[in-house]
Amino acid sequence: MKNMQEKDKNILKIILALTVLVFFIGWNLLSKYMDAKKEQELSQKTVLVTDNNRYITVINCVNKFLNYVQSDNKDDILLLLEEDYKNSFRINSSNVKNFIPILGQNFLYDYKGSEMYQKRISKTVIEYYVKGKIRKSKLDELPAYTDYDVTIILYEDKFVFAVKPGIGGLDIEED
């Protein structure tokens, strides 16, 4: 009879230990799920870019676009302009100059971004909203600056980008 009671106590201890183990495993899985969900929500907010590598990448995209604008290469400009932007304004090769900055051939241009924000649109697409200036310089002359705000869309899976002049999509979200 005494053996039965000890056997029942051991079974009860095993059941209790398994219950505690299942509880902690469940708690751990739920915690990881909640953290992943929170991280996903945070990544879809518009936030200030603090990563220098991203900043340099996006500024290089703007400078590449400006080089095509300066060389008056309408085909490449149209290729770089974002599709929805082109469709909404009915942009084609005959009117594309109305939607891009005017850059003279005898000057050097580069872009200086002052503020940059990012918003993850999907797993592989990020929009960068850049506030900055185009610096126009010529030998023996002081540089002139023109405000130019732009949106750069990076498609990380295809290693390409698109350009939307202006930053109409910038809506900085507060915590």
N, C-alpha and C. Protein backbone atom coordinates (compact mmCIF):
# COMPACT_ATOMS: atom_id res chain seq x y z
N MET A 1 0.82 -1.18 0.00
CA MET A 1 0.00 0.00 0.00
C MET A 1 0.88 1.26 0.00
N LYS A 2 1.97 1.19 0.78
CA LYS A 2 2.87 2.32 0.85
C LYS A 2 3.54 2.55 -0.50
N ASN A 3 3.86 1.49 -1.26
CA ASN A 3 4.45 1.60 -2.59
C ASN A 3 3.51 2.32 -3.55
N MET A 4 2.22 2.08 -3.43
CA MET A 4 1.23 2.71 -4.29
C MET A 4 1.20 4.22 -4.07
N GLN A 5 1.29 4.62 -2.84
CA GLN A 5 1.23 6.04 -2.54
C GLN A 5 2.48 6.75 -3.07
N GLU A 6 3.64 6.12 -2.93
CA GLU A 6 4.87 6.71 -3.45
C GLU A 6 4.83 6.77 -4.98
N LYS A 7 4.28 5.74 -5.58
CA LYS A 7 4.15 5.71 -7.05
C LYS A 7 3.22 6.83 -7.50
N ASP A 8 2.10 7.03 -6.80
CA ASP A 8 1.17 8.11 -7.14
C ASP A 8 1.83 9.47 -6.95
N LYS A 9 2.63 9.63 -5.88
CA LYS A 9 3.34 10.88 -5.65
C LYS A 9 4.33 11.16 -6.77
N ASN A 10 5.05 10.15 -7.23
CA ASN A 10 6.01 10.31 -8.32
C ASN A 10 5.30 10.69 -9.62
N ILE A 11 4.16 10.05 -9.89
CA ILE A 11 3.38 10.39 -11.09
C ILE A 11 2.89 11.82 -11.00
N LEU A 12 2.42 12.21 -9.83
CA LEU A 12 1.94 13.58 -9.62
C LEU A 12 3.08 14.58 -9.82
N LYS A 13 4.29 14.27 -9.33
CA LYS A 13 5.45 15.15 -9.51
C LYS A 13 5.81 15.27 -10.98
N ILE A 14 5.76 14.15 -11.71
CA ILE A 14 6.07 14.17 -13.14
C ILE A 14 5.04 15.01 -13.90
N ILE A 15 3.77 14.84 -13.58
CA ILE A 15 2.70 15.61 -14.24
C ILE A 15 2.88 17.10 -13.94
N LEU A 16 3.18 17.43 -12.69
CA LEU A 16 3.40 18.82 -12.31
C LEU A 16 4.61 19.40 -13.04
N ALA A 17 5.69 18.66 -13.13
CA ALA A 17 6.91 19.12 -13.82
C ALA A 17 6.62 19.33 -15.31
N LEU A 18 5.88 18.41 -15.93
CA LEU A 18 5.53 18.55 -17.35
C LEU A 18 4.63 19.76 -17.57
N THR A 19 3.70 19.99 -16.66
CA THR A 19 2.80 21.15 -16.77
C THR A 19 3.59 22.45 -16.70
N VAL A 20 4.52 22.54 -15.75
CA VAL A 20 5.37 23.73 -15.63
C VAL A 20 6.22 23.90 -16.88
N LEU A 21 6.78 22.83 -17.40
CA LEU A 21 7.60 22.88 -18.61
C LEU A 21 6.79 23.37 -19.81
N VAL A 22 5.59 22.82 -19.99
CA VAL A 22 4.72 23.24 -21.10
C VAL A 22 4.35 24.71 -20.94
N PHE A 23 4.08 25.14 -19.70
CA PHE A 23 3.75 26.55 -19.46
C PHE A 23 4.90 27.46 -19.88
N PHE A 24 6.14 27.14 -19.47
CA PHE A 24 7.28 27.98 -19.82
C PHE A 24 7.57 27.98 -21.32
N ILE A 25 7.41 26.84 -21.95
CA ILE A 25 7.61 26.78 -23.41
C ILE A 25 6.56 27.64 -24.10
N GLY A 26 5.32 27.52 -23.68
CA GLY A 26 4.24 28.34 -24.26
C GLY A 26 4.47 29.82 -24.03
N TRP A 27 4.90 30.17 -22.83
CA TRP A 27 5.19 31.57 -22.51
C TRP A 27 6.31 32.11 -23.39
N ASN A 28 7.36 31.32 -23.58
CA ASN A 28 8.49 31.71 -24.41
C ASN A 28 8.06 31.91 -25.87
N LEU A 29 7.28 31.00 -26.41
CA LEU A 29 6.80 31.13 -27.79
C LEU A 29 5.91 32.35 -27.95
N LEU A 30 5.01 32.58 -27.01
CA LEU A 30 4.12 33.75 -27.07
C LEU A 30 4.94 35.04 -26.99
N SER A 31 5.94 35.07 -26.14
CA SER A 31 6.79 36.24 -26.01
C SER A 31 7.54 36.54 -27.31
N LYS A 32 8.09 35.50 -27.94
CA LYS A 32 8.80 35.68 -29.22
C LYS A 32 7.85 36.17 -30.30
N TYR A 33 6.64 35.63 -30.34
CA TYR A 33 5.65 36.06 -31.32
C TYR A 33 5.30 37.53 -31.12
N MET A 34 5.08 37.95 -29.89
CA MET A 34 4.73 39.35 -29.60
C MET A 34 5.88 40.29 -29.97
N ASP A 35 7.12 39.88 -29.69
CA ASP A 35 8.29 40.69 -30.05
C ASP A 35 8.41 40.85 -31.56
N ALA A 36 8.19 39.76 -32.29
CA ALA A 36 8.27 39.81 -33.75
C ALA A 36 7.18 40.70 -34.32
N LYS A 37 6.00 40.63 -33.76
CA LYS A 37 4.88 41.46 -34.22
C LYS A 37 5.18 42.93 -33.95
N LYS A 38 5.72 43.23 -32.78
CA LYS A 38 6.06 44.61 -32.43
C LYS A 38 7.15 45.15 -33.35
N GLU A 39 8.15 44.32 -33.64
CA GLU A 39 9.24 44.73 -34.53
C GLU A 39 8.71 45.01 -35.94
N GLN A 40 7.78 44.19 -36.40
CA GLN A 40 7.19 44.40 -37.72
C GLN A 40 6.41 45.71 -37.76
N GLU A 41 5.65 46.00 -36.72
CA GLU A 41 4.90 47.25 -36.67
C GLU A 41 5.83 48.45 -36.65
N LEU A 42 6.92 48.35 -35.89
CA LEU A 42 7.88 49.45 -35.84
C LEU A 42 8.56 49.67 -37.18
N SER A 43 8.84 48.59 -37.91
CA SER A 43 9.53 48.73 -39.19
C SER A 43 8.64 49.37 -40.25
N GLN A 44 7.33 49.37 -40.05
CA GLN A 44 6.43 49.97 -41.02
C GLN A 44 6.09 51.41 -40.69
N LYS A 45 6.72 51.97 -39.68
CA LYS A 45 6.53 53.38 -39.35
C LYS A 45 7.54 54.21 -40.12
N THR A 46 7.23 55.49 -40.28
CA THR A 46 8.16 56.42 -40.88
C THR A 46 9.12 56.89 -39.80
N VAL A 47 10.40 56.60 -40.00
CA VAL A 47 11.40 56.93 -38.99
C VAL A 47 12.60 57.63 -39.63
N LEU A 48 13.30 58.39 -38.82
CA LEU A 48 14.51 59.07 -39.25
C LEU A 48 15.60 58.04 -39.55
N VAL A 49 16.30 58.20 -40.66
CA VAL A 49 17.39 57.29 -41.02
C VAL A 49 18.65 57.72 -40.28
N THR A 50 19.22 56.78 -39.55
CA THR A 50 20.46 57.07 -38.82
C THR A 50 21.62 56.21 -39.33
N ASP A 51 21.35 55.30 -40.23
CA ASP A 51 22.38 54.41 -40.79
C ASP A 51 23.10 55.12 -41.93
N ASN A 52 24.39 55.40 -41.76
CA ASN A 52 25.17 56.12 -42.78
C ASN A 52 25.22 55.37 -44.10
N ASN A 53 25.28 54.04 -44.07
CA ASN A 53 25.33 53.27 -45.31
C ASN A 53 24.07 53.48 -46.13
N ARG A 54 22.91 53.45 -45.47
CA ARG A 54 21.65 53.70 -46.18
C ARG A 54 21.61 55.11 -46.73
N TYR A 55 22.08 56.06 -45.93
CA TYR A 55 22.10 57.46 -46.35
C TYR A 55 22.92 57.61 -47.63
N ILE A 56 24.13 57.05 -47.63
CA ILE A 56 25.01 57.16 -48.80
C ILE A 56 24.38 56.48 -50.01
N THR A 57 23.78 55.32 -49.82
CA THR A 57 23.14 54.60 -50.92
C THR A 57 22.04 55.44 -51.56
N VAL A 58 21.20 56.03 -50.74
CA VAL A 58 20.07 56.81 -51.25
C VAL A 58 20.56 58.09 -51.92
N ILE A 59 21.53 58.77 -51.33
CA ILE A 59 22.08 59.99 -51.94
C ILE A 59 22.72 59.67 -53.28
N ASN A 60 23.39 58.53 -53.39
CA ASN A 60 23.97 58.11 -54.68
C ASN A 60 22.87 57.89 -55.72
N CYS A 61 21.72 57.35 -55.30
CA CYS A 61 20.59 57.18 -56.22
C CYS A 61 20.11 58.54 -56.73
N VAL A 62 20.00 59.52 -55.83
CA VAL A 62 19.57 60.86 -56.24
C VAL A 62 20.58 61.45 -57.21
N ASN A 63 21.87 61.31 -56.90
CA ASN A 63 22.90 61.86 -57.80
C ASN A 63 22.88 61.18 -59.16
N LYS A 64 22.63 59.90 -59.21
CA LYS A 64 22.53 59.20 -60.50
C LYS A 64 21.35 59.75 -61.31
N PHE A 65 20.22 59.94 -60.63
CA PHE A 65 19.06 60.53 -61.29
C PHE A 65 19.40 61.92 -61.83
N LEU A 66 20.06 62.73 -61.03
CA LEU A 66 20.42 64.09 -61.47
C LEU A 66 21.39 64.06 -62.64
N ASN A 67 22.28 63.07 -62.69
CA ASN A 67 23.18 62.93 -63.85
C ASN A 67 22.39 62.66 -65.12
N TYR A 68 21.37 61.80 -65.04
CA TYR A 68 20.52 61.55 -66.21
C TYR A 68 19.74 62.80 -66.60
N VAL A 69 19.29 63.55 -65.60
CA VAL A 69 18.56 64.80 -65.89
C VAL A 69 19.49 65.78 -66.58
N GLN A 70 20.70 65.93 -66.08
CA GLN A 70 21.65 66.87 -66.68
C GLN A 70 22.03 66.46 -68.10
N SER A 71 22.18 65.17 -68.33
CA SER A 71 22.55 64.71 -69.68
C SER A 71 21.35 64.69 -70.62
N ASP A 72 20.17 65.03 -70.10
CA ASP A 72 18.93 65.10 -70.89
C ASP A 72 18.58 63.76 -71.53
N ASN A 73 18.85 62.69 -70.81
CA ASN A 73 18.57 61.34 -71.28
C ASN A 73 17.13 60.96 -70.86
N LYS A 74 16.18 61.32 -71.71
CA LYS A 74 14.75 61.14 -71.38
C LYS A 74 14.38 59.67 -71.14
N ASP A 75 14.97 58.76 -71.89
CA ASP A 75 14.63 57.34 -71.73
C ASP A 75 15.03 56.84 -70.34
N ASP A 76 16.24 57.20 -69.91
CA ASP A 76 16.68 56.77 -68.59
C ASP A 76 15.92 57.48 -67.48
N ILE A 77 15.58 58.73 -67.69
CA ILE A 77 14.78 59.47 -66.70
C ILE A 77 13.43 58.79 -66.54
N LEU A 78 12.79 58.48 -67.65
CA LEU A 78 11.49 57.80 -67.60
C LEU A 78 11.60 56.43 -66.94
N LEU A 79 12.71 55.76 -67.19
CA LEU A 79 12.94 54.46 -66.58
C LEU A 79 13.06 54.56 -65.06
N LEU A 80 13.69 55.63 -64.58
CA LEU A 80 13.89 55.81 -63.14
C LEU A 80 12.66 56.36 -62.41
N LEU A 81 11.81 57.09 -63.10
CA LEU A 81 10.62 57.63 -62.43
C LEU A 81 9.69 56.49 -62.04
N GLU A 82 9.13 56.58 -60.85
CA GLU A 82 8.25 55.55 -60.31
C GLU A 82 6.98 55.43 -61.15
N GLU A 83 6.52 54.22 -61.40
CA GLU A 83 5.40 53.95 -62.31
C GLU A 83 4.12 54.67 -61.91
N ASP A 84 3.72 54.59 -60.64
CA ASP A 84 2.49 55.26 -60.21
C ASP A 84 2.59 56.76 -60.39
N TYR A 85 3.76 57.32 -60.14
CA TYR A 85 3.99 58.75 -60.34
C TYR A 85 3.81 59.12 -61.81
N LYS A 86 4.42 58.32 -62.70
CA LYS A 86 4.28 58.59 -64.14
C LYS A 86 2.83 58.47 -64.58
N ASN A 87 2.15 57.44 -64.10
CA ASN A 87 0.75 57.24 -64.50
C ASN A 87 -0.18 58.33 -63.98
N SER A 88 0.02 58.75 -62.74
CA SER A 88 -0.88 59.74 -62.16
C SER A 88 -0.73 61.11 -62.83
N PHE A 89 0.47 61.43 -63.32
CA PHE A 89 0.68 62.71 -64.00
C PHE A 89 0.76 62.56 -65.52
N ARG A 90 0.53 61.35 -66.02
CA ARG A 90 0.59 61.05 -67.46
C ARG A 90 1.89 61.55 -68.08
N ILE A 91 2.98 61.14 -67.46
CA ILE A 91 4.31 61.58 -67.90
C ILE A 91 4.78 60.69 -69.03
N ASN A 92 5.27 61.33 -70.08
CA ASN A 92 5.87 60.62 -71.21
C ASN A 92 7.09 61.39 -71.69
N SER A 93 7.72 60.94 -72.75
CA SER A 93 8.97 61.57 -73.19
C SER A 93 8.77 63.01 -73.66
N SER A 94 7.57 63.38 -74.06
CA SER A 94 7.36 64.75 -74.53
C SER A 94 7.13 65.75 -73.39
N ASN A 95 6.67 65.29 -72.23
CA ASN A 95 6.40 66.24 -71.15
C ASN A 95 7.22 65.97 -69.88
N VAL A 96 8.17 65.05 -69.93
CA VAL A 96 8.93 64.67 -68.74
C VAL A 96 9.70 65.85 -68.14
N LYS A 97 10.12 66.79 -68.97
CA LYS A 97 10.91 67.94 -68.48
C LYS A 97 10.09 68.84 -67.55
N ASN A 98 8.78 68.75 -67.62
CA ASN A 98 7.94 69.55 -66.73
C ASN A 98 7.95 69.03 -65.29
N PHE A 99 8.44 67.81 -65.07
CA PHE A 99 8.37 67.17 -63.77
C PHE A 99 9.73 66.92 -63.12
N ILE A 100 10.78 67.41 -63.74
CA ILE A 100 12.13 67.19 -63.21
C ILE A 100 12.84 68.53 -63.09
N PRO A 101 13.90 68.61 -62.29
CA PRO A 101 14.62 69.89 -62.17
C PRO A 101 15.33 70.23 -63.48
N ILE A 102 15.51 71.52 -63.70
CA ILE A 102 16.23 71.99 -64.89
C ILE A 102 17.69 72.16 -64.51
N LEU A 103 18.55 71.41 -65.16
CA LEU A 103 19.98 71.45 -64.86
C LEU A 103 20.76 71.77 -66.12
N GLY A 104 21.57 72.84 -66.06
CA GLY A 104 22.37 73.25 -67.22
C GLY A 104 23.53 72.31 -67.48
N GLN A 105 24.00 72.31 -68.72
CA GLN A 105 25.06 71.40 -69.13
C GLN A 105 26.45 71.83 -68.65
N ASN A 106 26.67 73.11 -68.41
CA ASN A 106 28.01 73.62 -68.12
C ASN A 106 28.33 73.71 -66.62
N PHE A 107 27.59 73.02 -65.81
CA PHE A 107 27.79 73.09 -64.37
C PHE A 107 27.98 71.68 -63.80
N LEU A 108 28.50 71.62 -62.60
CA LEU A 108 28.58 70.37 -61.86
C LEU A 108 27.48 70.39 -60.80
N TYR A 109 26.80 69.26 -60.66
CA TYR A 109 25.71 69.17 -59.70
C TYR A 109 25.95 67.99 -58.77
N ASP A 110 25.62 68.20 -57.52
CA ASP A 110 25.56 67.07 -56.60
C ASP A 110 24.49 67.38 -55.56
N TYR A 111 24.06 66.33 -54.91
CA TYR A 111 22.93 66.45 -53.99
C TYR A 111 23.42 66.34 -52.55
N LYS A 112 22.93 67.23 -51.73
CA LYS A 112 23.26 67.23 -50.30
C LYS A 112 21.95 67.05 -49.52
N GLY A 113 21.78 65.87 -48.96
CA GLY A 113 20.59 65.61 -48.16
C GLY A 113 20.77 66.13 -46.75
N SER A 114 19.72 66.73 -46.20
CA SER A 114 19.81 67.23 -44.83
C SER A 114 19.03 66.35 -43.86
N GLU A 115 17.89 65.85 -44.30
CA GLU A 115 17.08 64.95 -43.48
C GLU A 115 16.61 63.80 -44.35
N MET A 116 16.58 62.61 -43.77
CA MET A 116 16.10 61.45 -44.52
C MET A 116 15.26 60.57 -43.59
N TYR A 117 14.10 60.17 -44.10
CA TYR A 117 13.21 59.29 -43.36
C TYR A 117 12.96 58.05 -44.21
N GLN A 118 12.62 56.96 -43.55
CA GLN A 118 12.32 55.74 -44.29
C GLN A 118 11.02 55.14 -43.80
N LYS A 119 10.36 54.45 -44.71
CA LYS A 119 9.14 53.71 -44.38
C LYS A 119 9.17 52.41 -45.17
N ARG A 120 9.07 51.30 -44.47
CA ARG A 120 9.04 49.99 -45.13
C ARG A 120 7.64 49.78 -45.69
N ILE A 121 7.56 49.60 -47.00
CA ILE A 121 6.29 49.39 -47.67
C ILE A 121 5.94 47.92 -47.68
N SER A 122 6.93 47.09 -47.91
CA SER A 122 6.73 45.64 -47.89
C SER A 122 8.06 45.01 -47.44
N LYS A 123 8.11 43.69 -47.50
CA LYS A 123 9.32 42.99 -47.06
C LYS A 123 10.56 43.42 -47.85
N THR A 124 10.38 43.75 -49.12
CA THR A 124 11.53 44.07 -49.97
C THR A 124 11.52 45.49 -50.53
N VAL A 125 10.55 46.32 -50.13
CA VAL A 125 10.45 47.67 -50.68
C VAL A 125 10.48 48.69 -49.54
N ILE A 126 11.39 49.66 -49.66
CA ILE A 126 11.49 50.73 -48.67
C ILE A 126 11.46 52.07 -49.41
N GLU A 127 10.65 53.00 -48.88
CA GLU A 127 10.63 54.36 -49.41
C GLU A 127 11.48 55.24 -48.51
N TYR A 128 12.32 56.06 -49.14
CA TYR A 128 13.14 57.02 -48.41
C TYR A 128 12.71 58.42 -48.83
N TYR A 129 12.37 59.24 -47.85
CA TYR A 129 11.96 60.61 -48.09
C TYR A 129 13.15 61.50 -47.73
N VAL A 130 13.65 62.23 -48.73
CA VAL A 130 14.87 63.01 -48.53
C VAL A 130 14.59 64.49 -48.73
N LYS A 131 14.95 65.27 -47.73
CA LYS A 131 14.92 66.73 -47.84
C LYS A 131 16.35 67.17 -48.04
N GLY A 132 16.58 68.00 -49.05
CA GLY A 132 17.95 68.42 -49.31
C GLY A 132 18.04 69.51 -50.34
N LYS A 133 19.26 69.68 -50.85
CA LYS A 133 19.53 70.74 -51.82
C LYS A 133 20.41 70.20 -52.94
N ILE A 134 20.18 70.73 -54.13
CA ILE A 134 21.07 70.47 -55.26
C ILE A 134 22.12 71.57 -55.25
N ARG A 135 23.38 71.15 -55.23
CA ARG A 135 24.48 72.13 -55.26
C ARG A 135 24.95 72.27 -56.70
N LYS A 136 24.92 73.49 -57.19
CA LYS A 136 25.35 73.79 -58.55
C LYS A 136 26.67 74.55 -58.45
N SER A 137 27.69 74.01 -59.08
CA SER A 137 28.99 74.68 -58.99
C SER A 137 29.66 74.75 -60.36
N LYS A 138 30.51 75.77 -60.49
CA LYS A 138 31.28 75.99 -61.70
C LYS A 138 32.64 76.52 -61.27
N LEU A 139 33.65 76.20 -62.01
CA LEU A 139 35.00 76.64 -61.68
C LEU A 139 35.03 78.14 -61.46
N ASP A 140 35.70 78.59 -60.42
CA ASP A 140 35.87 80.01 -60.08
C ASP A 140 34.57 80.73 -59.72
N GLU A 141 33.55 79.99 -59.33
CA GLU A 141 32.30 80.61 -58.88
C GLU A 141 31.88 79.96 -57.58
N LEU A 142 31.19 80.72 -56.77
CA LEU A 142 30.63 80.16 -55.54
C LEU A 142 29.48 79.23 -55.89
N PRO A 143 29.34 78.13 -55.16
CA PRO A 143 28.23 77.21 -55.45
C PRO A 143 26.87 77.84 -55.09
N ALA A 144 25.87 77.46 -55.85
CA ALA A 144 24.49 77.90 -55.58
C ALA A 144 23.70 76.67 -55.17
N TYR A 145 22.75 76.86 -54.27
CA TYR A 145 21.95 75.75 -53.75
C TYR A 145 20.48 75.96 -54.08
N THR A 146 19.83 74.87 -54.47
CA THR A 146 18.40 74.88 -54.76
C THR A 146 17.75 73.78 -53.94
N ASP A 147 16.69 74.13 -53.21
CA ASP A 147 15.96 73.11 -52.45
C ASP A 147 15.40 72.06 -53.40
N TYR A 148 15.56 70.81 -53.03
CA TYR A 148 15.00 69.72 -53.83
C TYR A 148 14.71 68.54 -52.92
N ASP A 149 13.45 68.25 -52.76
CA ASP A 149 13.02 67.11 -51.96
C ASP A 149 12.59 65.98 -52.89
N VAL A 150 12.92 64.76 -52.50
CA VAL A 150 12.70 63.63 -53.40
C VAL A 150 12.41 62.37 -52.59
N THR A 151 11.67 61.46 -53.20
CA THR A 151 11.42 60.15 -52.62
C THR A 151 12.13 59.11 -53.48
N ILE A 152 12.92 58.27 -52.81
CA ILE A 152 13.62 57.17 -53.49
C ILE A 152 13.00 55.87 -53.00
N ILE A 153 12.59 55.03 -53.92
CA ILE A 153 12.03 53.73 -53.58
C ILE A 153 13.06 52.67 -53.92
N LEU A 154 13.52 51.93 -52.90
CA LEU A 154 14.50 50.86 -53.13
C LEU A 154 13.78 49.52 -53.14
N TYR A 155 14.01 48.77 -54.20
CA TYR A 155 13.48 47.41 -54.32
C TYR A 155 14.64 46.47 -54.01
N GLU A 156 14.71 46.03 -52.76
CA GLU A 156 15.87 45.29 -52.29
C GLU A 156 16.04 43.94 -52.97
N ASP A 157 14.95 43.32 -53.38
CA ASP A 157 15.05 42.01 -54.01
C ASP A 157 15.57 42.09 -55.44
N LYS A 158 15.39 43.23 -56.10
CA LYS A 158 15.81 43.38 -57.49
C LYS A 158 17.05 44.27 -57.64
N PHE A 159 17.49 44.89 -56.54
CA PHE A 159 18.63 45.80 -56.54
C PHE A 159 18.44 46.95 -57.53
N VAL A 160 17.24 47.53 -57.54
CA VAL A 160 16.94 48.68 -58.38
C VAL A 160 16.25 49.74 -57.51
N PHE A 161 16.14 50.94 -58.08
CA PHE A 161 15.44 52.01 -57.38
C PHE A 161 14.57 52.79 -58.35
N ALA A 162 13.64 53.54 -57.78
CA ALA A 162 12.78 54.43 -58.56
C ALA A 162 12.75 55.77 -57.85
N VAL A 163 12.39 56.80 -58.60
CA VAL A 163 12.41 58.17 -58.08
C VAL A 163 11.02 58.77 -58.19
N LYS A 164 10.62 59.47 -57.13
CA LYS A 164 9.40 60.29 -57.13
C LYS A 164 9.81 61.68 -56.68
N PRO A 165 9.81 62.66 -57.59
CA PRO A 165 10.13 64.02 -57.15
C PRO A 165 9.14 64.47 -56.07
N GLY A 166 9.66 65.15 -55.06
CA GLY A 166 8.83 65.61 -53.95
C GLY A 166 8.71 64.53 -52.89
N ILE A 167 8.17 64.90 -51.75
CA ILE A 167 8.01 63.94 -50.66
C ILE A 167 6.58 63.98 -50.14
N GLY A 168 5.63 63.92 -51.04
CA GLY A 168 4.22 63.94 -50.66
C GLY A 168 3.82 62.81 -49.75
N GLY A 169 4.55 61.71 -49.77
CA GLY A 169 4.19 60.54 -48.94
C GLY A 169 4.74 60.61 -47.54
N LEU A 170 5.45 61.69 -47.20
CA LEU A 170 6.07 61.75 -45.87
C LEU A 170 5.03 62.11 -44.82
N ASP A 171 4.77 61.17 -43.95
CA ASP A 171 3.90 61.44 -42.81
C ASP A 171 4.58 60.86 -41.58
N ILE A 172 5.33 61.71 -40.92
CA ILE A 172 6.11 61.29 -39.76
C ILE A 172 5.15 60.90 -38.65
N GLU A 173 5.32 59.68 -38.16
CA GLU A 173 4.41 59.17 -37.15
C GLU A 173 5.02 59.33 -35.77
N GLU A 174 4.20 59.76 -34.85
CA GLU A 174 4.64 59.93 -33.47
C GLU A 174 4.42 58.64 -32.71
N ASP A 175 5.29 58.37 -31.73
CA ASP A 175 5.14 57.17 -30.90
C ASP A 175 3.99 57.31 -29.95
